[in-house]
Amino acid sequence: MDPEDAHPAESRPPTVADLLLLCRALNAGGARYLVIGDEDLRNYLVVRVADEVVVDLMLSACGITYEEAAPEIEMFIISGVPIPFASAKLLLRTKRTYRDKDAEDRMFLERKLAEQQKKT
């Protein structure tokens, strides 16, 4: 922060330059994760956390809250660690957008769900 921009004891929203400086410092320091305050999730539609894997944190996706999605979460054990995944049915619900990539994902998920239904 430029000392002329704000008094050091005053808070202000971060600028893009602030965020880039923070990301560079975290990368240089070898940060593997970041704890995001709940205020960020209230103020921003998506909070992206990126390292080797990119994770988008959201209070809801396509209007679906966690509470509404919870019954469609499937748990898989990977290397002894339980990891929650969205079911194909839930993923399909989150792909109801106008993005080209989501249209491709919808076709894949619809085929996958049709194949699963044939097996039952």
PDB file of N, CA and C in Angstrom:
ATOM      1  N   MET A   1       0.848  -1.173   0.000  1.00  0.00           N
ATOM      2  CA  MET A   1       0.000   0.000   0.000  1.00  0.00           C
ATOM      3  C   MET A   1       0.888   1.228   0.000  1.00  0.00           C
ATOM      4  N   ASP A   2       0.574   2.186  -0.834  1.00  0.00           N
ATOM      5  CA  ASP A   2       1.300   3.445  -0.897  1.00  0.00           C
ATOM      6  C   ASP A   2       0.923   4.271   0.323  1.00  0.00           C
ATOM      7  N   PRO A   3       1.921   4.748   1.092  1.00  0.00           N
ATOM      8  CA  PRO A   3       1.613   5.490   2.327  1.00  0.00           C
ATOM      9  C   PRO A   3       0.766   6.724   2.087  1.00  0.00           C
ATOM     10  N   GLU A   4       0.806   7.286   0.874  1.00  0.00           N
ATOM     11  CA  GLU A   4       0.003   8.471   0.596  1.00  0.00           C
ATOM     12  C   GLU A   4      -1.464   8.134   0.364  1.00  0.00           C
ATOM     13  N   ASP A   5      -1.771   6.857   0.061  1.00  0.00           N
ATOM     14  CA  ASP A   5      -3.141   6.464  -0.258  1.00  0.00           C
ATOM     15  C   ASP A   5      -4.041   6.395   0.968  1.00  0.00           C
ATOM     16  N   ALA A   6      -3.523   5.963   2.081  1.00  0.00           N
ATOM     17  CA  ALA A   6      -4.360   5.786   3.269  1.00  0.00           C
ATOM     18  C   ALA A   6      -3.495   5.823   4.511  1.00  0.00           C
ATOM     19  N   HIS A   7      -4.102   6.212   5.604  1.00  0.00           N
ATOM     20  CA  HIS A   7      -3.415   6.185   6.880  1.00  0.00           C
ATOM     21  C   HIS A   7      -3.206   4.725   7.267  1.00  0.00           C
ATOM     22  N   PRO A   8      -2.037   4.339   7.791  1.00  0.00           N
ATOM     23  CA  PRO A   8      -1.778   2.933   8.102  1.00  0.00           C
ATOM     24  C   PRO A   8      -2.795   2.293   9.033  1.00  0.00           C
ATOM     25  N   ALA A   9      -3.459   3.075   9.882  1.00  0.00           N
ATOM     26  CA  ALA A   9      -4.422   2.505  10.823  1.00  0.00           C
ATOM     27  C   ALA A   9      -5.820   2.385  10.215  1.00  0.00           C
ATOM     28  N   GLU A  10      -6.009   2.901   9.001  1.00  0.00           N
ATOM     29  CA  GLU A  10      -7.313   2.841   8.355  1.00  0.00           C
ATOM     30  C   GLU A  10      -7.387   1.628   7.435  1.00  0.00           C
ATOM     31  N   SER A  11      -8.508   0.944   7.463  1.00  0.00           N
ATOM     32  CA  SER A  11      -8.674  -0.177   6.540  1.00  0.00           C
ATOM     33  C   SER A  11      -9.351   0.312   5.270  1.00  0.00           C
ATOM     34  N   ARG A  12      -9.159  -0.445   4.203  1.00  0.00           N
ATOM     35  CA  ARG A  12      -9.798  -0.141   2.930  1.00  0.00           C
ATOM     36  C   ARG A  12      -9.892  -1.434   2.145  1.00  0.00           C
ATOM     37  N   PRO A  13     -10.769  -1.500   1.171  1.00  0.00           N
ATOM     38  CA  PRO A  13     -10.836  -2.711   0.343  1.00  0.00           C
ATOM     39  C   PRO A  13      -9.528  -2.891  -0.417  1.00  0.00           C
ATOM     40  N   PRO A  14      -9.108  -4.122  -0.650  1.00  0.00           N
ATOM     41  CA  PRO A  14      -7.866  -4.343  -1.389  1.00  0.00           C
ATOM     42  C   PRO A  14      -8.017  -3.969  -2.858  1.00  0.00           C
ATOM     43  N   THR A  15      -6.941  -3.505  -3.441  1.00  0.00           N
ATOM     44  CA  THR A  15      -6.910  -3.237  -4.873  1.00  0.00           C
ATOM     45  C   THR A  15      -6.378  -4.480  -5.584  1.00  0.00           C
ATOM     46  N   VAL A  16      -6.478  -4.498  -6.896  1.00  0.00           N
ATOM     47  CA  VAL A  16      -5.919  -5.606  -7.667  1.00  0.00           C
ATOM     48  C   VAL A  16      -4.422  -5.697  -7.411  1.00  0.00           C
ATOM     49  N   ALA A  17      -3.757  -4.576  -7.340  1.00  0.00           N
ATOM     50  CA  ALA A  17      -2.312  -4.564  -7.073  1.00  0.00           C
ATOM     51  C   ALA A  17      -2.010  -5.178  -5.707  1.00  0.00           C
ATOM     52  N   ASP A  18      -2.845  -4.888  -4.710  1.00  0.00           N
ATOM     53  CA  ASP A  18      -2.663  -5.480  -3.376  1.00  0.00           C
ATOM     54  C   ASP A  18      -2.773  -7.000  -3.449  1.00  0.00           C
ATOM     55  N   LEU A  19      -3.791  -7.479  -4.159  1.00  0.00           N
ATOM     56  CA  LEU A  19      -4.016  -8.925  -4.262  1.00  0.00           C
ATOM     57  C   LEU A  19      -2.882  -9.614  -5.010  1.00  0.00           C
ATOM     58  N   LEU A  20      -2.397  -8.972  -6.078  1.00  0.00           N
ATOM     59  CA  LEU A  20      -1.268  -9.546  -6.814  1.00  0.00           C
ATOM     60  C   LEU A  20      -0.019  -9.600  -5.934  1.00  0.00           C
ATOM     61  N   LEU A  21       0.224  -8.551  -5.186  1.00  0.00           N
ATOM     62  CA  LEU A  21       1.370  -8.525  -4.274  1.00  0.00           C
ATOM     63  C   LEU A  21       1.242  -9.638  -3.236  1.00  0.00           C
ATOM     64  N   LEU A  22       0.047  -9.818  -2.699  1.00  0.00           N
ATOM     65  CA  LEU A  22      -0.194 -10.871  -1.717  1.00  0.00           C
ATOM     66  C   LEU A  22       0.041 -12.251  -2.330  1.00  0.00           C
ATOM     67  N   CYS A  23      -0.496 -12.481  -3.528  1.00  0.00           N
ATOM     68  CA  CYS A  23      -0.323 -13.784  -4.189  1.00  0.00           C
ATOM     69  C   CYS A  23       1.146 -14.057  -4.478  1.00  0.00           C
ATOM     70  N   ARG A  24       1.870 -13.053  -4.938  1.00  0.00           N
ATOM     71  CA  ARG A  24       3.305 -13.239  -5.189  1.00  0.00           C
ATOM     72  C   ARG A  24       4.042 -13.595  -3.901  1.00  0.00           C
ATOM     73  N   ALA A  25       3.700 -12.910  -2.820  1.00  0.00           N
ATOM     74  CA  ALA A  25       4.355 -13.182  -1.539  1.00  0.00           C
ATOM     75  C   ALA A  25       4.017 -14.588  -1.043  1.00  0.00           C
ATOM     76  N   LEU A  26       2.764 -15.004  -1.195  1.00  0.00           N
ATOM     77  CA  LEU A  26       2.372 -16.350  -0.777  1.00  0.00           C
ATOM     78  C   LEU A  26       3.089 -17.408  -1.608  1.00  0.00           C
ATOM     79  N   ASN A  27       3.158 -17.191  -2.912  1.00  0.00           N
ATOM     80  CA  ASN A  27       3.871 -18.138  -3.776  1.00  0.00           C
ATOM     81  C   ASN A  27       5.355 -18.186  -3.428  1.00  0.00           C
ATOM     82  N   ALA A  28       5.963 -17.046  -3.220  1.00  0.00           N
ATOM     83  CA  ALA A  28       7.389 -16.998  -2.875  1.00  0.00           C
ATOM     84  C   ALA A  28       7.650 -17.688  -1.540  1.00  0.00           C
ATOM     85  N   GLY A  29       6.688 -17.596  -0.634  1.00  0.00           N
ATOM     86  CA  GLY A  29       6.828 -18.224   0.679  1.00  0.00           C
ATOM     87  C   GLY A  29       6.430 -19.686   0.693  1.00  0.00           C
ATOM     88  N   GLY A  30       5.968 -20.210  -0.448  1.00  0.00           N
ATOM     89  CA  GLY A  30       5.591 -21.614  -0.525  1.00  0.00           C
ATOM     90  C   GLY A  30       4.281 -21.944   0.171  1.00  0.00           C
ATOM     91  N   ALA A  31       3.371 -20.979   0.256  1.00  0.00           N
ATOM     92  CA  ALA A  31       2.082 -21.224   0.918  1.00  0.00           C
ATOM     93  C   ALA A  31       1.348 -22.357   0.216  1.00  0.00           C
ATOM     94  N   ARG A  32       0.808 -23.287   0.984  1.00  0.00           N
ATOM     95  CA  ARG A  32       0.085 -24.424   0.418  1.00  0.00           C
ATOM     96  C   ARG A  32      -1.425 -24.257   0.585  1.00  0.00           C
ATOM     97  N   TYR A  33      -1.855 -23.398   1.492  1.00  0.00           N
ATOM     98  CA  TYR A  33      -3.282 -23.143   1.661  1.00  0.00           C
ATOM     99  C   TYR A  33      -3.476 -21.772   2.275  1.00  0.00           C
ATOM    100  N   LEU A  34      -4.713 -21.317   2.257  1.00  0.00           N
ATOM    101  CA  LEU A  34      -5.043 -19.995   2.749  1.00  0.00           C
ATOM    102  C   LEU A  34      -6.383 -20.091   3.462  1.00  0.00           C
ATOM    103  N   VAL A  35      -6.513 -19.498   4.612  1.00  0.00           N
ATOM    104  CA  VAL A  35      -7.777 -19.479   5.328  1.00  0.00           C
ATOM    105  C   VAL A  35      -8.472 -18.167   4.965  1.00  0.00           C
ATOM    106  N   ILE A  36      -9.704 -18.278   4.458  1.00  0.00           N
ATOM    107  CA  ILE A  36     -10.467 -17.119   4.011  1.00  0.00           C
ATOM    108  C   ILE A  36     -11.531 -16.805   5.056  1.00  0.00           C
ATOM    109  N   GLY A  37     -11.635 -15.552   5.455  1.00  0.00           N
ATOM    110  CA  GLY A  37     -12.658 -15.160   6.410  1.00  0.00           C
ATOM    111  C   GLY A  37     -14.044 -15.220   5.791  1.00  0.00           C
ATOM    112  N   ASP A  38     -15.059 -15.450   6.620  1.00  0.00           N
ATOM    113  CA  ASP A  38     -16.415 -15.562   6.090  1.00  0.00           C
ATOM    114  C   ASP A  38     -16.911 -14.250   5.508  1.00  0.00           C
ATOM    115  N   GLU A  39     -16.287 -13.138   5.876  1.00  0.00           N
ATOM    116  CA  GLU A  39     -16.679 -11.858   5.300  1.00  0.00           C
ATOM    117  C   GLU A  39     -16.416 -11.843   3.797  1.00  0.00           C
ATOM    118  N   ASP A  40     -15.319 -12.478   3.358  1.00  0.00           N
ATOM    119  CA  ASP A  40     -15.023 -12.552   1.930  1.00  0.00           C
ATOM    120  C   ASP A  40     -16.137 -13.278   1.193  1.00  0.00           C
ATOM    121  N   LEU A  41     -16.641 -14.354   1.776  1.00  0.00           N
ATOM    122  CA  LEU A  41     -17.702 -15.112   1.121  1.00  0.00           C
ATOM    123  C   LEU A  41     -19.010 -14.331   1.092  1.00  0.00           C
ATOM    124  N   ARG A  42     -19.223 -13.473   2.058  1.00  0.00           N
ATOM    125  CA  ARG A  42     -20.431 -12.634   2.045  1.00  0.00           C
ATOM    126  C   ARG A  42     -20.307 -11.516   1.022  1.00  0.00           C
ATOM    127  N   ASN A  43     -19.084 -11.013   0.821  1.00  0.00           N
ATOM    128  CA  ASN A  43     -18.883  -9.850  -0.047  1.00  0.00           C
ATOM    129  C   ASN A  43     -18.634 -10.189  -1.506  1.00  0.00           C
ATOM    130  N   TYR A  44     -18.206 -11.420  -1.784  1.00  0.00           N
ATOM    131  CA  TYR A  44     -17.864 -11.800  -3.154  1.00  0.00           C
ATOM    132  C   TYR A  44     -18.627 -13.062  -3.540  1.00  0.00           C
ATOM    133  N   LEU A  45     -19.053 -13.115  -4.785  1.00  0.00           N
ATOM    134  CA  LEU A  45     -19.773 -14.290  -5.274  1.00  0.00           C
ATOM    135  C   LEU A  45     -18.876 -15.525  -5.248  1.00  0.00           C
ATOM    136  N   VAL A  46     -17.611 -15.351  -5.644  1.00  0.00           N
ATOM    137  CA  VAL A  46     -16.651 -16.453  -5.675  1.00  0.00           C
ATOM    138  C   VAL A  46     -15.338 -15.978  -5.065  1.00  0.00           C
ATOM    139  N   VAL A  47     -14.774 -16.790  -4.179  1.00  0.00           N
ATOM    140  CA  VAL A  47     -13.421 -16.556  -3.667  1.00  0.00           C
ATOM    141  C   VAL A  47     -12.581 -17.693  -4.213  1.00  0.00           C
ATOM    142  N   ARG A  48     -11.587 -17.369  -5.041  1.00  0.00           N
ATOM    143  CA  ARG A  48     -10.753 -18.391  -5.671  1.00  0.00           C
ATOM    144  C   ARG A  48      -9.473 -18.558  -4.869  1.00  0.00           C
ATOM    145  N   VAL A  49      -9.172 -19.805  -4.535  1.00  0.00           N
ATOM    146  CA  VAL A  49      -7.944 -20.167  -3.840  1.00  0.00           C
ATOM    147  C   VAL A  49      -7.171 -21.045  -4.818  1.00  0.00           C
ATOM    148  N   ALA A  50      -5.955 -20.637  -5.143  1.00  0.00           N
ATOM    149  CA  ALA A  50      -5.208 -21.374  -6.162  1.00  0.00           C
ATOM    150  C   ALA A  50      -3.818 -21.725  -5.661  1.00  0.00           C
ATOM    151  N   ASP A  51      -3.450 -22.958  -5.888  1.00  0.00           N
ATOM    152  CA  ASP A  51      -2.102 -23.470  -5.646  1.00  0.00           C
ATOM    153  C   ASP A  51      -1.902 -24.503  -6.741  1.00  0.00           C
ATOM    154  N   GLU A  52      -1.574 -25.718  -6.397  1.00  0.00           N
ATOM    155  CA  GLU A  52      -1.497 -26.769  -7.403  1.00  0.00           C
ATOM    156  C   GLU A  52      -2.884 -27.102  -7.924  1.00  0.00           C
ATOM    157  N   VAL A  53      -3.902 -26.880  -7.099  1.00  0.00           N
ATOM    158  CA  VAL A  53      -5.297 -27.117  -7.457  1.00  0.00           C
ATOM    159  C   VAL A  53      -6.040 -25.810  -7.248  1.00  0.00           C
ATOM    160  N   VAL A  54      -6.939 -25.472  -8.159  1.00  0.00           N
ATOM    161  CA  VAL A  54      -7.751 -24.264  -8.026  1.00  0.00           C
ATOM    162  C   VAL A  54      -9.071 -24.636  -7.368  1.00  0.00           C
ATOM    163  N   VAL A  55      -9.436 -23.891  -6.327  1.00  0.00           N
ATOM    164  CA  VAL A  55     -10.683 -24.145  -5.612  1.00  0.00           C
ATOM    165  C   VAL A  55     -11.467 -22.838  -5.575  1.00  0.00           C
ATOM    166  N   ASP A  56     -12.728 -22.905  -6.004  1.00  0.00           N
ATOM    167  CA  ASP A  56     -13.623 -21.762  -5.898  1.00  0.00           C
ATOM    168  C   ASP A  56     -14.512 -21.967  -4.686  1.00  0.00           C
ATOM    169  N   LEU A  57     -14.501 -21.010  -3.767  1.00  0.00           N
ATOM    170  CA  LEU A  57     -15.353 -21.062  -2.575  1.00  0.00           C
ATOM    171  C   LEU A  57     -16.576 -20.193  -2.825  1.00  0.00           C
ATOM    172  N   MET A  58     -17.766 -20.757  -2.602  1.00  0.00           N
ATOM    173  CA  MET A  58     -19.008 -20.028  -2.843  1.00  0.00           C
ATOM    174  C   MET A  58     -20.021 -20.405  -1.778  1.00  0.00           C
ATOM    175  N   LEU A  59     -20.874 -19.458  -1.424  1.00  0.00           N
ATOM    176  CA  LEU A  59     -21.965 -19.779  -0.508  1.00  0.00           C
ATOM    177  C   LEU A  59     -23.051 -20.557  -1.229  1.00  0.00           C
ATOM    178  N   SER A  60     -23.166 -20.356  -2.541  1.00  0.00           N
ATOM    179  CA  SER A  60     -24.101 -21.126  -3.347  1.00  0.00           C
ATOM    180  C   SER A  60     -23.574 -21.185  -4.775  1.00  0.00           C
ATOM    181  N   ALA A  61     -23.964 -22.227  -5.494  1.00  0.00           N
ATOM    182  CA  ALA A  61     -23.588 -22.386  -6.897  1.00  0.00           C
ATOM    183  C   ALA A  61     -24.865 -22.522  -7.702  1.00  0.00           C
ATOM    184  N   CYS A  62     -25.064 -21.637  -8.642  1.00  0.00           N
ATOM    185  CA  CYS A  62     -26.304 -21.629  -9.449  1.00  0.00           C
ATOM    186  C   CYS A  62     -27.528 -21.597  -8.547  1.00  0.00           C
ATOM    187  N   GLY A  63     -27.426 -20.880  -7.439  1.00  0.00           N
ATOM    188  CA  GLY A  63     -28.548 -20.745  -6.517  1.00  0.00           C
ATOM    189  C   GLY A  63     -28.752 -21.931  -5.592  1.00  0.00           C
ATOM    190  N   ILE A  64     -27.860 -22.922  -5.652  1.00  0.00           N
ATOM    191  CA  ILE A  64     -27.979 -24.113  -4.811  1.00  0.00           C
ATOM    192  C   ILE A  64     -27.090 -23.936  -3.590  1.00  0.00           C
ATOM    193  N   THR A  65     -27.684 -23.900  -2.404  1.00  0.00           N
ATOM    194  CA  THR A  65     -26.900 -23.758  -1.174  1.00  0.00           C
ATOM    195  C   THR A  65     -26.330 -25.111  -0.760  1.00  0.00           C
ATOM    196  N   TYR A  66     -25.387 -25.085   0.157  1.00  0.00           N
ATOM    197  CA  TYR A  66     -24.813 -26.337   0.656  1.00  0.00           C
ATOM    198  C   TYR A  66     -25.894 -27.211   1.287  1.00  0.00           C
ATOM    199  N   GLU A  67     -26.772 -26.604   2.062  1.00  0.00           N
ATOM    200  CA  GLU A  67     -27.826 -27.368   2.727  1.00  0.00           C
ATOM    201  C   GLU A  67     -28.693 -28.102   1.701  1.00  0.00           C
ATOM    202  N   GLU A  68     -28.988 -27.434   0.598  1.00  0.00           N
ATOM    203  CA  GLU A  68     -29.797 -28.052  -0.454  1.00  0.00           C
ATOM    204  C   GLU A  68     -29.003 -29.129  -1.199  1.00  0.00           C
ATOM    205  N   ALA A  69     -27.698 -28.925  -1.347  1.00  0.00           N
ATOM    206  CA  ALA A  69     -26.847 -29.858  -2.086  1.00  0.00           C
ATOM    207  C   ALA A  69     -26.443 -31.077  -1.255  1.00  0.00           C
ATOM    208  N   ALA A  70     -26.418 -30.944   0.054  1.00  0.00           N
ATOM    209  CA  ALA A  70     -25.873 -31.984   0.943  1.00  0.00           C
ATOM    210  C   ALA A  70     -26.381 -33.392   0.659  1.00  0.00           C
ATOM    211  N   PRO A  71     -27.663 -33.605   0.391  1.00  0.00           N
ATOM    212  CA  PRO A  71     -28.119 -34.982   0.124  1.00  0.00           C
ATOM    213  C   PRO A  71     -27.513 -35.591  -1.146  1.00  0.00           C
ATOM    214  N   GLU A  72     -27.007 -34.756  -2.041  1.00  0.00           N
ATOM    215  CA  GLU A  72     -26.427 -35.234  -3.303  1.00  0.00           C
ATOM    216  C   GLU A  72     -24.896 -35.303  -3.260  1.00  0.00           C
ATOM    217  N   ILE A  73     -24.317 -35.222  -2.076  1.00  0.00           N
ATOM    218  CA  ILE A  73     -22.861 -35.312  -1.946  1.00  0.00           C
ATOM    219  C   ILE A  73     -22.487 -36.765  -1.715  1.00  0.00           C
ATOM    220  N   GLU A  74     -21.524 -37.237  -2.490  1.00  0.00           N
ATOM    221  CA  GLU A  74     -21.037 -38.612  -2.371  1.00  0.00           C
ATOM    222  C   GLU A  74     -19.644 -38.575  -1.747  1.00  0.00           C
ATOM    223  N   MET A  75     -19.425 -39.426  -0.768  1.00  0.00           N
ATOM    224  CA  MET A  75     -18.139 -39.471  -0.069  1.00  0.00           C
ATOM    225  C   MET A  75     -17.285 -40.604  -0.640  1.00  0.00           C
ATOM    226  N   PHE A  76     -16.054 -40.293  -1.000  1.00  0.00           N
ATOM    227  CA  PHE A  76     -15.095 -41.289  -1.466  1.00  0.00           C
ATOM    228  C   PHE A  76     -13.881 -41.253  -0.547  1.00  0.00           C
ATOM    229  N   ILE A  77     -13.293 -42.412  -0.299  1.00  0.00           N
ATOM    230  CA  ILE A  77     -12.092 -42.496   0.525  1.00  0.00           C
ATOM    231  C   ILE A  77     -10.892 -42.582  -0.421  1.00  0.00           C
ATOM    232  N   ILE A  78     -10.006 -41.628  -0.305  1.00  0.00           N
ATOM    233  CA  ILE A  78      -8.803 -41.597  -1.133  1.00  0.00           C
ATOM    234  C   ILE A  78      -7.605 -41.556  -0.193  1.00  0.00           C
ATOM    235  N   SER A  79      -6.763 -42.571  -0.293  1.00  0.00           N
ATOM    236  CA  SER A  79      -5.599 -42.701   0.598  1.00  0.00           C
ATOM    237  C   SER A  79      -6.008 -42.582   2.058  1.00  0.00           C
ATOM    238  N   GLY A  80      -7.150 -43.177   2.393  1.00  0.00           N
ATOM    239  CA  GLY A  80      -7.617 -43.179   3.770  1.00  0.00           C
ATOM    240  C   GLY A  80      -8.308 -41.903   4.216  1.00  0.00           C
ATOM    241  N   VAL A  81      -8.472 -40.945   3.308  1.00  0.00           N
ATOM    242  CA  VAL A  81      -9.085 -39.665   3.669  1.00  0.00           C
ATOM    243  C   VAL A  81     -10.455 -39.556   3.011  1.00  0.00           C
ATOM    244  N   PRO A  82     -11.524 -39.370   3.804  1.00  0.00           N
ATOM    245  CA  PRO A  82     -12.843 -39.178   3.195  1.00  0.00           C
ATOM    246  C   PRO A  82     -12.923 -37.811   2.513  1.00  0.00           C
ATOM    247  N   ILE A  83     -13.326 -37.820   1.231  1.00  0.00           N
ATOM    248  CA  ILE A  83     -13.404 -36.579   0.456  1.00  0.00           C
ATOM    249  C   ILE A  83     -14.787 -36.494  -0.182  1.00  0.00           C
ATOM    250  N   PRO A  84     -15.506 -35.392   0.063  1.00  0.00           N
ATOM    251  CA  PRO A  84     -16.842 -35.251  -0.517  1.00  0.00           C
ATOM    252  C   PRO A  84     -16.773 -34.780  -1.974  1.00  0.00           C
ATOM    253  N   PHE A  85     -17.639 -35.363  -2.811  1.00  0.00           N
ATOM    254  CA  PHE A  85     -17.761 -34.981  -4.215  1.00  0.00           C
ATOM    255  C   PHE A  85     -19.233 -34.746  -4.531  1.00  0.00           C
ATOM    256  N   ALA A  86     -19.486 -33.831  -5.433  1.00  0.00           N
ATOM    257  CA  ALA A  86     -20.849 -33.634  -5.913  1.00  0.00           C
ATOM    258  C   ALA A  86     -21.218 -34.805  -6.823  1.00  0.00           C
ATOM    259  N   SER A  87     -22.440 -35.315  -6.673  1.00  0.00           N
ATOM    260  CA  SER A  87     -22.917 -36.389  -7.551  1.00  0.00           C
ATOM    261  C   SER A  87     -23.107 -35.829  -8.960  1.00  0.00           C
ATOM    262  N   ALA A  88     -23.223 -36.726  -9.935  1.00  0.00           N
ATOM    263  CA  ALA A  88     -23.469 -36.294 -11.317  1.00  0.00           C
ATOM    264  C   ALA A  88     -24.769 -35.497 -11.402  1.00  0.00           C
ATOM    265  N   LYS A  89     -25.783 -35.927 -10.646  1.00  0.00           N
ATOM    266  CA  LYS A  89     -27.068 -35.223 -10.632  1.00  0.00           C
ATOM    267  C   LYS A  89     -26.911 -33.792 -10.107  1.00  0.00           C
ATOM    268  N   LEU A  90     -26.133 -33.640  -9.037  1.00  0.00           N
ATOM    269  CA  LEU A  90     -25.895 -32.310  -8.475  1.00  0.00           C
ATOM    270  C   LEU A  90     -25.053 -31.461  -9.427  1.00  0.00           C
ATOM    271  N   LEU A  91     -24.018 -32.048  -9.995  1.00  0.00           N
ATOM    272  CA  LEU A  91     -23.196 -31.299 -10.952  1.00  0.00           C
ATOM    273  C   LEU A  91     -24.032 -30.787 -12.119  1.00  0.00           C
ATOM    274  N   LEU A  92     -24.941 -31.628 -12.601  1.00  0.00           N
ATOM    275  CA  LEU A  92     -25.805 -31.211 -13.708  1.00  0.00           C
ATOM    276  C   LEU A  92     -26.621 -29.980 -13.319  1.00  0.00           C
ATOM    277  N   ARG A  93     -27.114 -29.961 -12.097  1.00  0.00           N
ATOM    278  CA  ARG A  93     -27.880 -28.786 -11.631  1.00  0.00           C
ATOM    279  C   ARG A  93     -27.034 -27.524 -11.621  1.00  0.00           C
ATOM    280  N   THR A  94     -25.729 -27.657 -11.359  1.00  0.00           N
ATOM    281  CA  THR A  94     -24.855 -26.475 -11.307  1.00  0.00           C
ATOM    282  C   THR A  94     -24.408 -26.029 -12.694  1.00  0.00           C
ATOM    283  N   LYS A  95     -24.744 -26.782 -13.713  1.00  0.00           N
ATOM    284  CA  LYS A  95     -24.312 -26.467 -15.080  1.00  0.00           C
ATOM    285  C   LYS A  95     -25.414 -25.807 -15.900  1.00  0.00           C
ATOM    286  N   ARG A  96     -26.467 -25.353 -15.259  1.00  0.00           N
ATOM    287  CA  ARG A  96     -27.575 -24.696 -15.958  1.00  0.00           C
ATOM    288  C   ARG A  96     -27.237 -23.221 -16.194  1.00  0.00           C
ATOM    289  N   THR A  97     -26.235 -22.992 -17.043  1.00  0.00           N
ATOM    290  CA  THR A  97     -25.799 -21.634 -17.373  1.00  0.00           C
ATOM    291  C   THR A  97     -25.732 -21.505 -18.892  1.00  0.00           C
ATOM    292  N   TYR A  98     -25.268 -20.361 -19.352  1.00  0.00           N
ATOM    293  CA  TYR A  98     -25.142 -20.109 -20.789  1.00  0.00           C
ATOM    294  C   TYR A  98     -23.716 -20.287 -21.301  1.00  0.00           C
ATOM    295  N   ARG A  99     -22.798 -20.702 -20.424  1.00  0.00           N
ATOM    296  CA  ARG A  99     -21.407 -20.867 -20.857  1.00  0.00           C
ATOM    297  C   ARG A  99     -21.279 -22.084 -21.770  1.00  0.00           C
ATOM    298  N   ASP A 100     -20.460 -21.955 -22.826  1.00  0.00           N
ATOM    299  CA  ASP A 100     -20.234 -23.071 -23.757  1.00  0.00           C
ATOM    300  C   ASP A 100     -19.699 -24.291 -23.028  1.00  0.00           C
ATOM    301  N   LYS A 101     -18.758 -24.084 -22.114  1.00  0.00           N
ATOM    302  CA  LYS A 101     -18.170 -25.199 -21.368  1.00  0.00           C
ATOM    303  C   LYS A 101     -19.241 -25.931 -20.565  1.00  0.00           C
ATOM    304  N   ASP A 102     -20.173 -25.193 -19.980  1.00  0.00           N
ATOM    305  CA  ASP A 102     -21.240 -25.830 -19.212  1.00  0.00           C
ATOM    306  C   ASP A 102     -22.170 -26.630 -20.120  1.00  0.00           C
ATOM    307  N   ALA A 103     -22.380 -26.177 -21.347  1.00  0.00           N
ATOM    308  CA  ALA A 103     -23.207 -26.940 -22.295  1.00  0.00           C
ATOM    309  C   ALA A 103     -22.545 -28.289 -22.587  1.00  0.00           C
ATOM    310  N   GLU A 104     -21.227 -28.286 -22.777  1.00  0.00           N
ATOM    311  CA  GLU A 104     -20.489 -29.539 -22.993  1.00  0.00           C
ATOM    312  C   GLU A 104     -20.597 -30.435 -21.769  1.00  0.00           C
ATOM    313  N   ASP A 105     -20.429 -29.850 -20.590  1.00  0.00           N
ATOM    314  CA  ASP A 105     -20.529 -30.620 -19.343  1.00  0.00           C
ATOM    315  C   ASP A 105     -21.925 -31.215 -19.179  1.00  0.00           C
ATOM    316  N   ARG A 106     -22.963 -30.440 -19.530  1.00  0.00           N
ATOM    317  CA  ARG A 106     -24.345 -30.937 -19.419  1.00  0.00           C
ATOM    318  C   ARG A 106     -24.551 -32.177 -20.290  1.00  0.00           C
ATOM    319  N   MET A 107     -24.047 -32.128 -21.536  1.00  0.00           N
ATOM    320  CA  MET A 107     -24.204 -33.285 -22.423  1.00  0.00           C
ATOM    321  C   MET A 107     -23.525 -34.513 -21.827  1.00  0.00           C
ATOM    322  N   PHE A 108     -22.310 -34.341 -21.309  1.00  0.00           N
ATOM    323  CA  PHE A 108     -21.591 -35.459 -20.698  1.00  0.00           C
ATOM    324  C   PHE A 108     -22.360 -36.006 -19.497  1.00  0.00           C
ATOM    325  N   LEU A 109     -22.808 -35.117 -18.617  1.00  0.00           N
ATOM    326  CA  LEU A 109     -23.501 -35.541 -17.399  1.00  0.00           C
ATOM    327  C   LEU A 109     -24.850 -36.185 -17.709  1.00  0.00           C
ATOM    328  N   GLU A 110     -25.558 -35.663 -18.692  1.00  0.00           N
ATOM    329  CA  GLU A 110     -26.838 -36.271 -19.072  1.00  0.00           C
ATOM    330  C   GLU A 110     -26.628 -37.691 -19.599  1.00  0.00           C
ATOM    331  N   ARG A 111     -25.570 -37.901 -20.413  1.00  0.00           N
ATOM    332  CA  ARG A 111     -25.258 -39.256 -20.890  1.00  0.00           C
ATOM    333  C   ARG A 111     -24.886 -40.164 -19.721  1.00  0.00           C
ATOM    334  N   LYS A 112     -24.071 -39.647 -18.820  1.00  0.00           N
ATOM    335  CA  LYS A 112     -23.640 -40.438 -17.655  1.00  0.00           C
ATOM    336  C   LYS A 112     -24.838 -40.852 -16.803  1.00  0.00           C
ATOM    337  N   LEU A 113     -25.750 -39.927 -16.545  1.00  0.00           N
ATOM    338  CA  LEU A 113     -26.930 -40.231 -15.736  1.00  0.00           C
ATOM    339  C   LEU A 113     -27.847 -41.225 -16.464  1.00  0.00           C
ATOM    340  N   ALA A 114     -27.985 -41.095 -17.782  1.00  0.00           N
ATOM    341  CA  ALA A 114     -28.800 -42.047 -18.554  1.00  0.00           C
ATOM    342  C   ALA A 114     -28.201 -43.445 -18.478  1.00  0.00           C
ATOM    343  N   GLU A 115     -26.870 -43.534 -18.572  1.00  0.00           N
ATOM    344  CA  GLU A 115     -26.199 -44.844 -18.466  1.00  0.00           C
ATOM    345  C   GLU A 115     -26.371 -45.432 -17.073  1.00  0.00           C
ATOM    346  N   GLN A 116     -26.273 -44.615 -16.048  1.00  0.00           N
ATOM    347  CA  GLN A 116     -26.460 -45.086 -14.676  1.00  0.00           C
ATOM    348  C   GLN A 116     -27.901 -45.587 -14.484  1.00  0.00           C
ATOM    349  N   GLN A 117     -28.853 -44.883 -15.075  1.00  0.00           N
ATOM    350  CA  GLN A 117     -30.251 -45.277 -14.900  1.00  0.00           C
ATOM    351  C   GLN A 117     -30.534 -46.607 -15.618  1.00  0.00           C
ATOM    352  N   LYS A 118     -29.880 -46.852 -16.752  1.00  0.00           N
ATOM    353  CA  LYS A 118     -30.062 -48.123 -17.468  1.00  0.00           C
ATOM    354  C   LYS A 118     -29.580 -49.298 -16.612  1.00  0.00           C
ATOM    355  N   LYS A 119     -28.548 -49.073 -15.802  1.00  0.00           N
ATOM    356  CA  LYS A 119     -27.964 -50.130 -14.977  1.00  0.00           C
ATOM    357  C   LYS A 119     -28.830 -50.469 -13.769  1.00  0.00           C
ATOM    358  N   THR A 120     -29.742 -49.578 -13.398  1.00  0.00           N
ATOM    359  CA  THR A 120     -30.576 -49.839 -12.213  1.00  0.00           C
ATOM    360  C   THR A 120     -31.914 -50.420 -12.566  1.00  0.00           C
TER     361      THR A 120
END
